[in-house]
Protein backbone atom coordinates (compact mmCIF):
# COMPACT_ATOMS: atom_id res chain seq x y z
CA MET A 1 -74.77 56.82 99.37
CA GLY A 2 -77.12 59.68 99.67
CA ASP A 3 -80.47 61.31 100.07
CA MET A 4 -82.26 59.70 97.15
CA ASN A 5 -85.79 60.77 98.11
CA ASP A 6 -86.92 57.31 97.01
CA VAL A 7 -88.44 54.57 99.13
CA PRO A 8 -87.22 50.93 99.08
CA GLY A 9 -88.58 48.77 96.27
CA THR A 10 -88.85 51.48 93.63
CA THR A 11 -87.40 51.05 90.15
CA THR A 12 -84.40 53.25 90.99
CA VAL A 13 -83.48 51.33 94.14
CA ARG A 14 -84.00 47.97 92.40
CA LYS A 15 -81.69 49.03 89.52
CA ILE A 16 -78.91 50.03 91.92
CA LYS A 17 -79.22 46.72 93.77
CA SER A 18 -79.39 44.75 90.49
CA VAL A 19 -75.70 45.43 89.82
CA GLY A 20 -74.86 43.55 93.03
CA LEU A 21 -74.71 46.37 95.56
CA LYS A 22 -75.99 45.67 99.06
CA ASP A 23 -78.11 48.00 101.16
CA ALA A 24 -76.23 48.70 104.42
CA TRP A 25 -79.52 49.53 106.16
CA TRP A 26 -80.95 46.03 105.65
CA GLN A 27 -77.65 44.19 106.00
CA GLY A 28 -77.00 46.05 109.27
CA GLY A 29 -80.36 45.01 110.72
CA CYS A 30 -82.20 48.34 110.72
CA GLY A 31 -85.34 46.79 109.24
CA TYR A 32 -88.38 48.94 108.54
CA GLY A 33 -87.17 52.10 110.31
CA SER A 34 -87.16 55.58 108.82
CA THR A 35 -84.80 58.40 107.94
CA TYR A 36 -87.48 61.00 107.18
CA TYR A 37 -90.38 62.03 109.39
CA ASP A 38 -92.66 64.99 108.80
CA GLY A 39 -95.02 64.60 111.74
CA TRP A 40 -97.43 62.09 110.26
CA ILE A 41 -95.46 59.97 107.81
CA LYS A 42 -92.21 58.07 108.29
CA LEU A 43 -90.15 57.00 105.27
CA ARG A 44 -86.72 55.63 104.56
CA ILE A 45 -85.37 57.66 101.65
CA ASP A 46 -81.63 57.75 102.44
CA TYR A 47 -79.17 54.98 101.54
CA VAL A 48 -75.69 53.56 101.74
CA PHE A 49 -75.07 50.92 99.07
CA TYR A 50 -71.85 48.91 98.98
CA ASP A 51 -70.07 46.05 97.22
CA ASP A 52 -69.82 43.16 99.67
CA GLN A 53 -67.02 41.64 97.58
CA GLN A 54 -64.84 44.65 98.46
CA LEU A 55 -66.18 45.79 101.81
CA LYS A 56 -67.36 44.08 104.98
CA LEU A 57 -70.08 45.99 106.82
CA LYS A 58 -69.16 46.52 110.47
CA THR A 59 -71.87 48.89 111.74
CA VAL A 60 -74.69 51.06 110.49
CA ASP A 61 -76.34 53.83 112.47
CA VAL A 62 -78.92 56.53 111.89
CA VAL A 63 -77.90 59.91 113.27
CA GLY A 64 -79.20 63.46 113.27
CA GLU A 65 -81.94 65.41 114.87
CA LYS A 66 -84.94 67.17 113.39
CA GLU A 67 -83.41 70.63 113.88
CA TRP A 68 -80.42 69.75 111.66
CA SER A 69 -82.42 68.59 108.67
CA ASP A 70 -85.69 66.96 107.67
CA HIS A 71 -83.65 63.74 107.26
CA ARG A 72 -81.55 61.61 109.57
CA ALA A 73 -78.23 60.53 108.04
CA ILE A 74 -77.11 56.93 107.66
CA VAL A 75 -73.53 56.30 108.76
CA ALA A 76 -71.89 52.98 107.90
CA ARG A 77 -68.48 51.64 108.91
CA PHE A 78 -66.67 49.10 106.72
CA ASP A 79 -63.54 46.98 106.66
CA LEU A 80 -61.81 46.15 103.40
CA GLU A 81 -62.75 42.53 102.68
CA ASN A 82 -59.26 41.55 101.50
CA ASN A 83 -57.71 42.85 104.76
CA ILE A 84 -59.79 40.65 107.07
């Protein structure tokens, strides 16, 4: 997870997903929202990737206000898949 400063669909994001990791943002239903906004442009450049063979996504939220950072953090909650 982290502030990757990279938008969805780039080579970096595609490589991470190519090893089988899921994007909590999309799997959690956040769609085309944003985590970065500078007044005229909105981008999603922050991520939580996870292995859906090991973890079951429960919730994903975007938190944080402009005065804390120029980004809003993504917070995901998981259950261990083998404990369900």
